[in-house]
PDB file of N, CA and C in Angstrom:
ATOM      1  N   MET A   1       5.781  -5.732  26.188  1.00  0.00           N
ATOM      2  CA  MET A   1       5.021  -6.675  25.280  1.00  0.00           C
ATOM      3  C   MET A   1       5.120  -8.053  25.881  1.00  0.00           C
ATOM      4  N   LYS A   2       3.986  -8.591  25.998  1.00  0.00           N
ATOM      5  CA  LYS A   2       3.945 -10.055  26.722  1.00  0.00           C
ATOM      6  C   LYS A   2       4.119 -11.185  25.522  1.00  0.00           C
ATOM      7  N   VAL A   3       5.067 -12.025  25.681  1.00  0.00           N
ATOM      8  CA  VAL A   3       5.339 -13.060  24.671  1.00  0.00           C
ATOM      9  C   VAL A   3       5.086 -14.416  25.310  1.00  0.00           C
ATOM     10  N   GLN A   4       4.176 -15.188  24.431  1.00  0.00           N
ATOM     11  CA  GLN A   4       3.860 -16.633  24.841  1.00  0.00           C
ATOM     12  C   GLN A   4       4.334 -17.459  23.713  1.00  0.00           C
ATOM     13  N   LEU A   5       5.146 -18.268  23.853  1.00  0.00           N
ATOM     14  CA  LEU A   5       5.779 -19.410  23.106  1.00  0.00           C
ATOM     15  C   LEU A   5       5.608 -20.721  23.472  1.00  0.00           C
ATOM     16  N   ARG A   6       5.073 -21.554  22.501  1.00  0.00           N
ATOM     17  CA  ARG A   6       4.885 -22.815  22.815  1.00  0.00           C
ATOM     18  C   ARG A   6       5.058 -23.693  21.651  1.00  0.00           C
ATOM     19  N   GLY A   7       5.481 -24.859  22.013  1.00  0.00           N
ATOM     20  CA  GLY A   7       5.544 -26.060  20.844  1.00  0.00           C
ATOM     21  C   GLY A   7       4.543 -27.010  20.794  1.00  0.00           C
ATOM     22  N   VAL A   8       3.947 -27.341  19.778  1.00  0.00           N
ATOM     23  CA  VAL A   8       2.876 -28.432  19.721  1.00  0.00           C
ATOM     24  C   VAL A   8       3.375 -29.586  18.963  1.00  0.00           C
ATOM     25  N   HIS A   9       3.594 -30.689  19.650  1.00  0.00           N
ATOM     26  CA  HIS A   9       4.199 -31.910  18.899  1.00  0.00           C
ATOM     27  C   HIS A   9       5.661 -31.757  18.662  1.00  0.00           C
ATOM     28  N   LEU A  10       6.416 -30.808  19.325  1.00  0.00           N
ATOM     29  CA  LEU A  10       7.954 -30.690  19.140  1.00  0.00           C
ATOM     30  C   LEU A  10       8.338 -30.009  20.466  1.00  0.00           C
ATOM     31  N   GLY A  11       9.616 -30.193  20.705  1.00  0.00           N
ATOM     32  CA  GLY A  11      10.452 -29.598  21.597  1.00  0.00           C
ATOM     33  C   GLY A  11      11.001 -28.377  21.346  1.00  0.00           C
ATOM     34  N   LEU A  12      10.991 -27.465  22.209  1.00  0.00           N
ATOM     35  CA  LEU A  12      11.522 -26.121  21.900  1.00  0.00           C
ATOM     36  C   LEU A  12      12.906 -26.016  22.305  1.00  0.00           C
ATOM     37  N   THR A  13      14.099 -25.963  21.537  1.00  0.00           N
ATOM     38  CA  THR A  13      15.269 -25.824  21.950  1.00  0.00           C
ATOM     39  C   THR A  13      15.664 -24.411  22.083  1.00  0.00           C
ATOM     40  N   ASP A  14      16.868 -24.243  22.652  1.00  0.00           N
ATOM     41  CA  ASP A  14      17.369 -22.833  23.079  1.00  0.00           C
ATOM     42  C   ASP A  14      17.579 -22.145  21.559  1.00  0.00           C
ATOM     43  N   ASN A  15      18.278 -23.012  20.833  1.00  0.00           N
ATOM     44  CA  ASN A  15      18.247 -22.104  19.413  1.00  0.00           C
ATOM     45  C   ASN A  15      17.066 -21.985  18.725  1.00  0.00           C
ATOM     46  N   LEU A  16      16.221 -22.564  18.792  1.00  0.00           N
ATOM     47  CA  LEU A  16      14.815 -22.155  18.197  1.00  0.00           C
ATOM     48  C   LEU A  16      14.145 -20.961  18.997  1.00  0.00           C
ATOM     49  N   LYS A  17      14.200 -21.030  20.354  1.00  0.00           N
ATOM     50  CA  LYS A  17      13.688 -19.868  21.023  1.00  0.00           C
ATOM     51  C   LYS A  17      14.555 -18.568  20.632  1.00  0.00           C
ATOM     52  N   GLN A  18      15.803 -18.734  20.493  1.00  0.00           N
ATOM     53  CA  GLN A  18      16.464 -17.431  20.212  1.00  0.00           C
ATOM     54  C   GLN A  18      16.351 -17.120  18.865  1.00  0.00           C
ATOM     55  N   TYR A  19      16.083 -17.905  17.811  1.00  0.00           N
ATOM     56  CA  TYR A  19      15.600 -17.656  16.515  1.00  0.00           C
ATOM     57  C   TYR A  19      14.221 -16.774  16.393  1.00  0.00           C
ATOM     58  N   VAL A  20      13.446 -17.411  17.314  1.00  0.00           N
ATOM     59  CA  VAL A  20      12.087 -16.784  17.258  1.00  0.00           C
ATOM     60  C   VAL A  20      12.184 -15.270  17.911  1.00  0.00           C
ATOM     61  N   ASP A  21      12.932 -15.157  18.988  1.00  0.00           N
ATOM     62  CA  ASP A  21      13.154 -13.866  19.506  1.00  0.00           C
ATOM     63  C   ASP A  21      13.832 -12.820  18.531  1.00  0.00           C
ATOM     64  N   THR A  22      15.024 -13.157  17.968  1.00  0.00           N
ATOM     65  CA  THR A  22      15.521 -12.297  17.101  1.00  0.00           C
ATOM     66  C   THR A  22      14.919 -12.046  15.657  1.00  0.00           C
ATOM     67  N   HIS A  23      14.299 -13.153  15.090  1.00  0.00           N
ATOM     68  CA  HIS A  23      13.776 -12.992  13.819  1.00  0.00           C
ATOM     69  C   HIS A  23      12.265 -12.750  13.701  1.00  0.00           C
ATOM     70  N   LEU A  24      11.653 -12.805  14.897  1.00  0.00           N
ATOM     71  CA  LEU A  24      10.106 -12.520  14.732  1.00  0.00           C
ATOM     72  C   LEU A  24       9.736 -11.560  15.949  1.00  0.00           C
ATOM     73  N   VAL A  25      10.052 -11.736  17.264  1.00  0.00           N
ATOM     74  CA  VAL A  25       9.436 -11.011  18.205  1.00  0.00           C
ATOM     75  C   VAL A  25      10.187  -9.518  18.110  1.00  0.00           C
ATOM     76  N   ALA A  26      11.393  -9.493  17.881  1.00  0.00           N
ATOM     77  CA  ALA A  26      12.153  -8.178  17.713  1.00  0.00           C
ATOM     78  C   ALA A  26      11.599  -7.402  16.672  1.00  0.00           C
ATOM     79  N   HIS A  27      10.985  -8.141  15.490  1.00  0.00           N
ATOM     80  CA  HIS A  27      10.541  -7.218  14.518  1.00  0.00           C
ATOM     81  C   HIS A  27       9.189  -6.692  14.825  1.00  0.00           C
ATOM     82  N   ILE A  28       8.409  -7.603  15.575  1.00  0.00           N
ATOM     83  CA  ILE A  28       7.008  -7.000  16.035  1.00  0.00           C
ATOM     84  C   ILE A  28       7.221  -6.012  17.168  1.00  0.00           C
ATOM     85  N   GLU A  29       8.273  -6.096  17.971  1.00  0.00           N
ATOM     86  CA  GLU A  29       8.008  -5.397  19.150  1.00  0.00           C
ATOM     87  C   GLU A  29       8.332  -3.639  18.776  1.00  0.00           C
ATOM     88  N   ARG A  30       8.838  -3.490  17.655  1.00  0.00           N
ATOM     89  CA  ARG A  30       8.865  -2.005  17.275  1.00  0.00           C
ATOM     90  C   ARG A  30       7.600  -1.362  16.964  1.00  0.00           C
ATOM     91  N   PHE A  31       6.562  -2.372  16.556  1.00  0.00           N
ATOM     92  CA  PHE A  31       5.049  -1.727  16.421  1.00  0.00           C
ATOM     93  C   PHE A  31       4.426  -1.549  17.866  1.00  0.00           C
ATOM     94  N   ALA A  32       4.705  -2.462  18.786  1.00  0.00           N
ATOM     95  CA  ALA A  32       3.946  -2.543  19.900  1.00  0.00           C
ATOM     96  C   ALA A  32       4.964  -2.616  21.303  1.00  0.00           C
ATOM     97  N   GLN A  33       5.313  -1.574  21.681  1.00  0.00           N
ATOM     98  CA  GLN A  33       6.297  -1.371  22.684  1.00  0.00           C
ATOM     99  C   GLN A  33       5.708  -1.124  24.170  1.00  0.00           C
ATOM    100  N   ASP A  34       4.315  -1.333  24.217  1.00  0.00           N
ATOM    101  CA  ASP A  34       3.708  -1.086  25.819  1.00  0.00           C
ATOM    102  C   ASP A  34       3.504  -2.577  26.133  1.00  0.00           C
ATOM    103  N   GLU A  35       3.073  -2.512  27.484  1.00  0.00           N
ATOM    104  CA  GLU A  35       3.073  -3.777  28.210  1.00  0.00           C
ATOM    105  C   GLU A  35       1.583  -4.483  27.960  1.00  0.00           C
ATOM    106  N   ALA A  36       0.633  -3.658  27.496  1.00  0.00           N
ATOM    107  CA  ALA A  36      -0.734  -4.034  27.029  1.00  0.00           C
ATOM    108  C   ALA A  36      -0.909  -4.985  25.846  1.00  0.00           C
ATOM    109  N   SER A  37       0.290  -5.026  25.045  1.00  0.00           N
ATOM    110  CA  SER A  37       0.280  -5.802  23.693  1.00  0.00           C
ATOM    111  C   SER A  37       0.730  -7.285  24.184  1.00  0.00           C
ATOM    112  N   GLU A  38       0.354  -8.096  23.219  1.00  0.00           N
ATOM    113  CA  GLU A  38       0.407  -9.639  23.510  1.00  0.00           C
ATOM    114  C   GLU A  38       0.782 -10.031  22.102  1.00  0.00           C
ATOM    115  N   ILE A  39       1.659 -11.080  22.331  1.00  0.00           N
ATOM    116  CA  ILE A  39       2.036 -11.966  21.085  1.00  0.00           C
ATOM    117  C   ILE A  39       2.001 -13.439  21.251  1.00  0.00           C
ATOM    118  N   GLU A  40       1.248 -14.257  20.762  1.00  0.00           N
ATOM    119  CA  GLU A  40       1.149 -15.687  21.095  1.00  0.00           C
ATOM    120  C   GLU A  40       1.633 -16.425  19.804  1.00  0.00           C
ATOM    121  N   ILE A  41       2.762 -17.038  20.219  1.00  0.00           N
ATOM    122  CA  ILE A  41       3.366 -17.960  19.085  1.00  0.00           C
ATOM    123  C   ILE A  41       3.396 -19.464  19.528  1.00  0.00           C
ATOM    124  N   ALA A  42       2.844 -20.210  18.267  1.00  0.00           N
ATOM    125  CA  ALA A  42       2.804 -21.528  18.549  1.00  0.00           C
ATOM    126  C   ALA A  42       3.402 -22.222  17.255  1.00  0.00           C
ATOM    127  N   LEU A  43       4.368 -23.106  17.646  1.00  0.00           N
ATOM    128  CA  LEU A  43       5.201 -23.586  16.622  1.00  0.00           C
ATOM    129  C   LEU A  43       4.839 -25.076  16.447  1.00  0.00           C
ATOM    130  N   VAL A  44       4.391 -25.652  15.489  1.00  0.00           N
ATOM    131  CA  VAL A  44       3.574 -26.878  15.253  1.00  0.00           C
ATOM    132  C   VAL A  44       4.382 -27.867  14.376  1.00  0.00           C
ATOM    133  N   ASP A  45       4.261 -28.951  14.682  1.00  0.00           N
ATOM    134  CA  ASP A  45       4.741 -30.114  13.761  1.00  0.00           C
ATOM    135  C   ASP A  45       3.659 -30.963  13.226  1.00  0.00           C
ATOM    136  N   ILE A  46       3.058 -30.717  12.255  1.00  0.00           N
ATOM    137  CA  ILE A  46       1.826 -31.277  11.834  1.00  0.00           C
ATOM    138  C   ILE A  46       1.732 -32.820  11.909  1.00  0.00           C
ATOM    139  N   ASN A  47       2.782 -33.444  10.973  1.00  0.00           N
ATOM    140  CA  ASN A  47       2.841 -34.716  10.748  1.00  0.00           C
ATOM    141  C   ASN A  47       3.820 -35.563  11.816  1.00  0.00           C
ATOM    142  N   GLY A  48       4.456 -34.875  12.555  1.00  0.00           N
ATOM    143  CA  GLY A  48       5.311 -35.483  13.403  1.00  0.00           C
ATOM    144  C   GLY A  48       6.518 -35.976  12.818  1.00  0.00           C
ATOM    145  N   PRO A  49       7.462 -37.057  13.094  1.00  0.00           N
ATOM    146  CA  PRO A  49       8.725 -37.296  12.523  1.00  0.00           C
ATOM    147  C   PRO A  49       8.561 -37.623  10.961  1.00  0.00           C
ATOM    148  N   LYS A  50       7.399 -37.877  10.314  1.00  0.00           N
ATOM    149  CA  LYS A  50       7.055 -38.169   8.777  1.00  0.00           C
ATOM    150  C   LYS A  50       7.988 -37.429   7.939  1.00  0.00           C
ATOM    151  N   GLY A  51       8.101 -36.009   8.254  1.00  0.00           N
ATOM    152  CA  GLY A  51       8.599 -34.995   7.254  1.00  0.00           C
ATOM    153  C   GLY A  51       7.644 -34.368   6.374  1.00  0.00           C
ATOM    154  N   GLY A  52       8.228 -33.703   5.435  1.00  0.00           N
ATOM    155  CA  GLY A  52       7.476 -33.057   4.385  1.00  0.00           C
ATOM    156  C   GLY A  52       7.128 -31.709   4.968  1.00  0.00           C
ATOM    157  N   VAL A  53       6.249 -30.887   4.160  1.00  0.00           N
ATOM    158  CA  VAL A  53       5.716 -29.720   4.303  1.00  0.00           C
ATOM    159  C   VAL A  53       4.979 -29.716   5.512  1.00  0.00           C
ATOM    160  N   ASP A  54       5.314 -29.843   6.863  1.00  0.00           N
ATOM    161  CA  ASP A  54       4.429 -30.001   8.014  1.00  0.00           C
ATOM    162  C   ASP A  54       4.736 -29.203   9.148  1.00  0.00           C
ATOM    163  N   LYS A  55       5.794 -28.066   8.954  1.00  0.00           N
ATOM    164  CA  LYS A  55       6.070 -27.132   9.984  1.00  0.00           C
ATOM    165  C   LYS A  55       5.309 -26.104   9.844  1.00  0.00           C
ATOM    166  N   GLU A  56       4.721 -25.625  11.155  1.00  0.00           N
ATOM    167  CA  GLU A  56       3.659 -24.560  11.040  1.00  0.00           C
ATOM    168  C   GLU A  56       4.000 -23.333  12.072  1.00  0.00           C
ATOM    169  N   CYS A  57       4.035 -22.195  11.716  1.00  0.00           N
ATOM    170  CA  CYS A  57       4.116 -21.218  12.656  1.00  0.00           C
ATOM    171  C   CYS A  57       2.835 -20.346  12.833  1.00  0.00           C
ATOM    172  N   ARG A  58       2.125 -20.141  13.942  1.00  0.00           N
ATOM    173  CA  ARG A  58       0.987 -19.502  14.184  1.00  0.00           C
ATOM    174  C   ARG A  58       1.227 -18.426  15.080  1.00  0.00           C
ATOM    175  N   VAL A  59       0.907 -17.103  14.592  1.00  0.00           N
ATOM    176  CA  VAL A  59       1.132 -15.997  15.517  1.00  0.00           C
ATOM    177  C   VAL A  59      -0.163 -15.087  15.639  1.00  0.00           C
ATOM    178  N   THR A  60      -0.518 -14.870  16.866  1.00  0.00           N
ATOM    179  CA  THR A  60      -1.653 -13.873  17.105  1.00  0.00           C
ATOM    180  C   THR A  60      -0.980 -12.761  17.715  1.00  0.00           C
ATOM    181  N   VAL A  61      -1.248 -11.477  17.200  1.00  0.00           N
ATOM    182  CA  VAL A  61      -0.785 -10.388  17.863  1.00  0.00           C
ATOM    183  C   VAL A  61      -2.082  -9.533  18.425  1.00  0.00           C
ATOM    184  N   ARG A  62      -2.014  -9.101  19.585  1.00  0.00           N
ATOM    185  CA  ARG A  62      -3.121  -8.313  20.169  1.00  0.00           C
ATOM    186  C   ARG A  62      -2.502  -6.982  20.580  1.00  0.00           C
ATOM    187  N   MET A  63      -3.016  -5.865  20.120  1.00  0.00           N
ATOM    188  CA  MET A  63      -2.403  -4.390  20.406  1.00  0.00           C
ATOM    189  C   MET A  63      -3.641  -3.590  20.860  1.00  0.00           C
ATOM    190  N   PRO A  64      -3.530  -2.699  21.857  1.00  0.00           N
ATOM    191  CA  PRO A  64      -4.706  -1.884  22.282  1.00  0.00           C
ATOM    192  C   PRO A  64      -4.998  -0.974  21.075  1.00  0.00           C
ATOM    193  N   GLY A  65      -6.296  -0.842  20.729  1.00  0.00           N
ATOM    194  CA  GLY A  65      -6.843  -0.029  19.750  1.00  0.00           C
ATOM    195  C   GLY A  65      -6.840  -0.683  18.432  1.00  0.00           C
ATOM    196  N   LEU A  66      -6.583  -1.887  18.164  1.00  0.00           N
ATOM    197  CA  LEU A  66      -6.484  -2.582  16.993  1.00  0.00           C
ATOM    198  C   LEU A  66      -7.084  -3.833  17.131  1.00  0.00           C
ATOM    199  N   GLU A  67      -7.734  -4.445  16.128  1.00  0.00           N
ATOM    200  CA  GLU A  67      -8.339  -5.886  16.097  1.00  0.00           C
ATOM    201  C   GLU A  67      -7.134  -6.748  16.297  1.00  0.00           C
ATOM    202  N   SER A  68      -7.417  -8.059  16.706  1.00  0.00           N
ATOM    203  CA  SER A  68      -6.253  -9.132  16.791  1.00  0.00           C
ATOM    204  C   SER A  68      -5.804  -9.402  15.366  1.00  0.00           C
ATOM    205  N   ILE A  69      -4.638  -9.629  15.130  1.00  0.00           N
ATOM    206  CA  ILE A  69      -4.024  -9.989  13.922  1.00  0.00           C
ATOM    207  C   ILE A  69      -3.476 -11.409  14.080  1.00  0.00           C
ATOM    208  N   HIS A  70      -3.996 -12.383  13.011  1.00  0.00           N
ATOM    209  CA  HIS A  70      -3.626 -13.757  13.283  1.00  0.00           C
ATOM    210  C   HIS A  70      -2.956 -14.085  11.841  1.00  0.00           C
ATOM    211  N   VAL A  71      -1.733 -14.837  11.910  1.00  0.00           N
ATOM    212  CA  VAL A  71      -1.217 -15.159  10.814  1.00  0.00           C
ATOM    213  C   VAL A  71      -0.539 -16.634  10.896  1.00  0.00           C
ATOM    214  N   THR A  72      -0.764 -17.531   9.819  1.00  0.00           N
ATOM    215  CA  THR A  72      -0.472 -18.920   9.952  1.00  0.00           C
ATOM    216  C   THR A  72       0.516 -19.222   8.787  1.00  0.00           C
ATOM    217  N   GLU A  73       1.484 -19.758   8.786  1.00  0.00           N
ATOM    218  CA  GLU A  73       2.258 -20.133   7.488  1.00  0.00           C
ATOM    219  C   GLU A  73       2.907 -21.715   7.756  1.00  0.00           C
ATOM    220  N   THR A  74       2.965 -22.267   6.772  1.00  0.00           N
ATOM    221  CA  THR A  74       3.553 -23.611   6.714  1.00  0.00           C
ATOM    222  C   THR A  74       4.563 -23.814   5.807  1.00  0.00           C
ATOM    223  N   SER A  75       5.722 -24.551   6.140  1.00  0.00           N
ATOM    224  CA  SER A  75       6.800 -24.663   5.485  1.00  0.00           C
ATOM    225  C   SER A  75       7.586 -25.981   5.671  1.00  0.00           C
ATOM    226  N   GLU A  76       8.559 -26.371   4.957  1.00  0.00           N
ATOM    227  CA  GLU A  76       9.282 -27.528   5.336  1.00  0.00           C
ATOM    228  C   GLU A  76      10.135 -27.416   6.694  1.00  0.00           C
ATOM    229  N   THR A  77      10.520 -26.393   7.013  1.00  0.00           N
ATOM    230  CA  THR A  77      11.312 -26.165   8.171  1.00  0.00           C
ATOM    231  C   THR A  77      10.678 -24.930   9.085  1.00  0.00           C
ATOM    232  N   LEU A  78      10.889 -24.943  10.214  1.00  0.00           N
ATOM    233  CA  LEU A  78      10.469 -23.900  11.225  1.00  0.00           C
ATOM    234  C   LEU A  78      10.949 -22.757  11.058  1.00  0.00           C
ATOM    235  N   PHE A  79      12.169 -22.577  10.544  1.00  0.00           N
ATOM    236  CA  PHE A  79      12.768 -21.450  10.245  1.00  0.00           C
ATOM    237  C   PHE A  79      12.294 -20.684   9.099  1.00  0.00           C
ATOM    238  N   GLN A  80      11.971 -21.428   8.080  1.00  0.00           N
ATOM    239  CA  GLN A  80      11.413 -21.032   6.889  1.00  0.00           C
ATOM    240  C   GLN A  80       9.852 -20.428   7.387  1.00  0.00           C
ATOM    241  N   ALA A  81       9.160 -21.212   8.095  1.00  0.00           N
ATOM    242  CA  ALA A  81       7.833 -20.722   8.601  1.00  0.00           C
ATOM    243  C   ALA A  81       7.881 -19.601   9.487  1.00  0.00           C
ATOM    244  N   ILE A  82       8.856 -19.401  10.230  1.00  0.00           N
ATOM    245  CA  ILE A  82       8.958 -18.189  11.074  1.00  0.00           C
ATOM    246  C   ILE A  82       9.123 -16.836  10.329  1.00  0.00           C
ATOM    247  N   ASP A  83      10.103 -17.275   9.330  1.00  0.00           N
ATOM    248  CA  ASP A  83      10.524 -16.032   8.480  1.00  0.00           C
ATOM    249  C   ASP A  83       9.291 -15.598   7.723  1.00  0.00           C
ATOM    250  N   ALA A  84       8.615 -16.459   7.148  1.00  0.00           N
ATOM    251  CA  ALA A  84       7.363 -16.090   6.245  1.00  0.00           C
ATOM    252  C   ALA A  84       6.264 -15.444   6.987  1.00  0.00           C
ATOM    253  N   THR A  85       6.022 -16.000   8.225  1.00  0.00           N
ATOM    254  CA  THR A  85       5.148 -15.449   9.096  1.00  0.00           C
ATOM    255  C   THR A  85       5.495 -14.066   9.555  1.00  0.00           C
ATOM    256  N   ARG A  86       6.781 -13.698   9.951  1.00  0.00           N
ATOM    257  CA  ARG A  86       7.109 -12.426  10.140  1.00  0.00           C
ATOM    258  C   ARG A  86       6.979 -11.340   9.080  1.00  0.00           C
ATOM    259  N   ASP A  87       7.209 -11.795   7.800  1.00  0.00           N
ATOM    260  CA  ASP A  87       7.082 -10.903   6.654  1.00  0.00           C
ATOM    261  C   ASP A  87       5.613 -10.538   6.556  1.00  0.00           C
ATOM    262  N   ARG A  88       4.518 -11.566   6.709  1.00  0.00           N
ATOM    263  CA  ARG A  88       3.178 -11.353   6.395  1.00  0.00           C
ATOM    264  C   ARG A  88       2.710 -10.534   7.629  1.00  0.00           C
ATOM    265  N   LEU A  89       3.164 -10.816   8.794  1.00  0.00           N
ATOM    266  CA  LEU A  89       2.664 -10.150  10.104  1.00  0.00           C
ATOM    267  C   LEU A  89       3.054  -8.705  10.079  1.00  0.00           C
ATOM    268  N   GLU A  90       4.364  -8.326   9.610  1.00  0.00           N
ATOM    269  CA  GLU A  90       4.726  -6.836   9.530  1.00  0.00           C
ATOM    270  C   GLU A  90       3.772  -6.303   8.628  1.00  0.00           C
ATOM    271  N   LYS A  91       3.351  -6.696   7.311  1.00  0.00           N
ATOM    272  CA  LYS A  91       2.505  -6.046   6.529  1.00  0.00           C
ATOM    273  C   LYS A  91       1.180  -5.897   7.086  1.00  0.00           C
ATOM    274  N   ALA A  92       0.591  -7.034   7.716  1.00  0.00           N
ATOM    275  CA  ALA A  92      -0.779  -6.846   8.446  1.00  0.00           C
ATOM    276  C   ALA A  92      -0.848  -5.712   9.465  1.00  0.00           C
ATOM    277  N   ILE A  93       0.360  -5.743  10.222  1.00  0.00           N
ATOM    278  CA  ILE A  93       0.332  -4.721  11.404  1.00  0.00           C
ATOM    279  C   ILE A  93       0.262  -3.285  10.650  1.00  0.00           C
ATOM    280  N   LYS A  94       1.341  -3.224   9.703  1.00  0.00           N
ATOM    281  CA  LYS A  94       1.190  -1.795   9.034  1.00  0.00           C
ATOM    282  C   LYS A  94       0.015  -1.522   8.518  1.00  0.00           C
ATOM    283  N   ARG A  95      -0.731  -2.241   7.951  1.00  0.00           N
ATOM    284  CA  ARG A  95      -2.054  -1.946   7.172  1.00  0.00           C
ATOM    285  C   ARG A  95      -3.101  -1.622   8.348  1.00  0.00           C
ATOM    286  N   ALA A  96      -3.041  -2.305   9.523  1.00  0.00           N
ATOM    287  CA  ALA A  96      -3.923  -2.173  10.664  1.00  0.00           C
ATOM    288  C   ALA A  96      -3.646  -0.718  11.273  1.00  0.00           C
ATOM    289  N   VAL A  97      -2.380  -0.427  11.380  1.00  0.00           N
ATOM    290  CA  VAL A  97      -2.037   0.930  12.138  1.00  0.00           C
ATOM    291  C   VAL A  97      -2.212   2.017  11.117  1.00  0.00           C
ATOM    292  N   GLU A  98      -2.046   1.831   9.753  1.00  0.00           N
ATOM    293  CA  GLU A  98      -2.463   2.918   8.806  1.00  0.00           C
ATOM    294  C   GLU A  98      -3.816   3.020   8.820  1.00  0.00           C
ATOM    295  N   ARG A  99      -4.655   2.166   8.709  1.00  0.00           N
ATOM    296  CA  ARG A  99      -6.170   2.064   8.736  1.00  0.00           C
ATOM    297  C   ARG A  99      -6.617   2.924  10.098  1.00  0.00           C
ATOM    298  N   ARG A 100      -6.082   2.746  11.132  1.00  0.00           N
ATOM    299  CA  ARG A 100      -6.300   3.201  12.349  1.00  0.00           C
ATOM    300  C   ARG A 100      -6.064   4.817  12.339  1.00  0.00           C
ATOM    301  N   ARG A 101      -4.819   5.164  11.553  1.00  0.00           N
ATOM    302  CA  ARG A 101      -4.554   6.585  11.502  1.00  0.00           C
ATOM    303  C   ARG A 101      -5.472   7.336  10.652  1.00  0.00           C
ATOM    304  N   GLN A 102      -5.921   6.628   9.626  1.00  0.00           N
ATOM    305  CA  GLN A 102      -6.738   7.231   8.643  1.00  0.00           C
ATOM    306  C   GLN A 102      -8.346   7.186   9.129  1.00  0.00           C
ATOM    307  N   GLY A 103      -8.448   6.696  10.115  1.00  0.00           N
ATOM    308  CA  GLY A 103      -9.927   6.487  10.705  1.00  0.00           C
ATOM    309  C   GLY A 103     -10.870   5.454   9.918  1.00  0.00           C
ATOM    310  N   THR A 104     -10.270   4.649   8.924  1.00  0.00           N
ATOM    311  CA  THR A 104     -11.113   3.815   8.117  1.00  0.00           C
ATOM    312  C   THR A 104     -11.424   2.548   8.841  1.00  0.00           C
ATOM    313  N   GLY A 105     -10.639   2.121   9.716  1.00  0.00           N
ATOM    314  CA  GLY A 105     -10.790   0.778  10.623  1.00  0.00           C
ATOM    315  C   GLY A 105     -11.936   1.038  11.517  1.00  0.00           C
ATOM    316  N   ASN A 106     -12.234  -0.164  12.375  1.00  0.00           N
ATOM    317  CA  ASN A 106     -13.265   0.078  13.393  1.00  0.00           C
ATOM    318  C   ASN A 106     -12.414   0.096  14.796  1.00  0.00           C
ATOM    319  N   SER A 107     -11.270   0.318  14.800  1.00  0.00           N
ATOM    320  CA  SER A 107     -10.559   0.672  16.089  1.00  0.00           C
ATOM    321  C   SER A 107     -10.680  -0.482  17.060  1.00  0.00           C
ATOM    322  N   GLY A 108     -10.896  -1.642  16.687  1.00  0.00           N
ATOM    323  CA  GLY A 108     -10.959  -2.795  17.579  1.00  0.00           C
ATOM    324  C   GLY A 108     -12.144  -2.934  18.006  1.00  0.00           C
ATOM    325  N   MET A 109     -13.098  -2.262  17.798  1.00  0.00           N
ATOM    326  CA  MET A 109     -14.646  -2.378  18.391  1.00  0.00           C
ATOM    327  C   MET A 109     -15.565  -3.001  17.333  1.00  0.00           C
ATOM    328  N   PRO A 110     -16.368  -3.866  17.884  1.00  0.00           N
ATOM    329  CA  PRO A 110     -17.385  -4.400  17.058  1.00  0.00           C
ATOM    330  C   PRO A 110     -18.126  -3.329  16.030  1.00  0.00           C
ATOM    331  N   PHE A 111     -18.555  -3.838  14.863  1.00  0.00           N
ATOM    332  CA  PHE A 111     -19.053  -2.702  14.016  1.00  0.00           C
ATOM    333  C   PHE A 111     -20.193  -2.069  14.523  1.00  0.00           C
ATOM    334  N   ASP A 112     -20.990  -3.015  15.035  1.00  0.00           N
ATOM    335  CA  ASP A 112     -22.477  -2.396  15.438  1.00  0.00           C
ATOM    336  C   ASP A 112     -22.330  -1.206  16.802  1.00  0.00           C
ATOM    337  N   LEU A 113     -21.226  -1.739  17.450  1.00  0.00           N
ATOM    338  CA  LEU A 113     -21.009  -0.607  18.637  1.00  0.00           C
ATOM    339  C   LEU A 113     -20.407   0.609  18.016  1.00  0.00           C
ATOM    340  N   ASN A 114     -19.368   0.565  17.264  1.00  0.00           N
ATOM    341  CA  ASN A 114     -18.737   1.487  16.466  1.00  0.00           C
ATOM    342  C   ASN A 114     -19.701   2.486  15.647  1.00  0.00           C
ATOM    343  N   ALA A 115     -20.697   1.965  15.102  1.00  0.00           N
ATOM    344  CA  ALA A 115     -21.804   2.715  14.414  1.00  0.00           C
ATOM    345  C   ALA A 115     -22.669   3.553  15.481  1.00  0.00           C
ATOM    346  N   ASP A 116     -22.914   2.783  16.635  1.00  0.00           N
ATOM    347  CA  ASP A 116     -23.725   3.465  17.540  1.00  0.00           C
ATOM    348  C   ASP A 116     -22.947   4.620  18.307  1.00  0.00           C
ATOM    349  N   ALA A 117     -21.779   4.453  18.359  1.00  0.00           N
ATOM    350  CA  ALA A 117     -21.048   5.499  18.919  1.00  0.00           C
ATOM    351  C   ALA A 117     -20.872   6.733  18.026  1.00  0.00           C
ATOM    352  N   THR A 118     -20.939   6.582  16.890  1.00  0.00           N
ATOM    353  CA  THR A 118     -20.851   7.701  15.871  1.00  0.00           C
ATOM    354  C   THR A 118     -22.300   8.293  15.857  1.00  0.00           C
ATOM    355  N   ASN A 119     -23.258   7.765  16.258  1.00  0.00           N
ATOM    356  CA  ASN A 119     -24.575   8.312  15.954  1.00  0.00           C
ATOM    357  C   ASN A 119     -25.026   9.208  17.118  1.00  0.00           C
ATOM    358  N   TYR A 120     -24.314   9.129  18.349  1.00  0.00           N
ATOM    359  CA  TYR A 120     -24.671   9.814  19.488  1.00  0.00           C
ATOM    360  C   TYR A 120     -23.746  11.162  19.503  1.00  0.00           C
TER     361      TYR A 120
END
């Protein structure tokens, strides 16, 4: 799995990188163990040093055969935002995989192409 981590308006410390790896990436890797899967993580400080509920974790996961899954969570600390994102992301991936198994999803294809493919 290809992982891209970036900080927006903040520096990425080794502690923060390790936290993302163990508390977010490790949980998602069990769903996507192939090399074609990607996870993009952006950690954002919206207001800068002002403080408040302004730390945001944005994650986009791309896996073959599934639509892209995007989750954004905002919290007082980056660690809380990362944990909340992980929880929502796991649920979203499980739903997408289950829909694919049941054949009720569009398998990552646009709806019009998917409908055309079933008519032939």
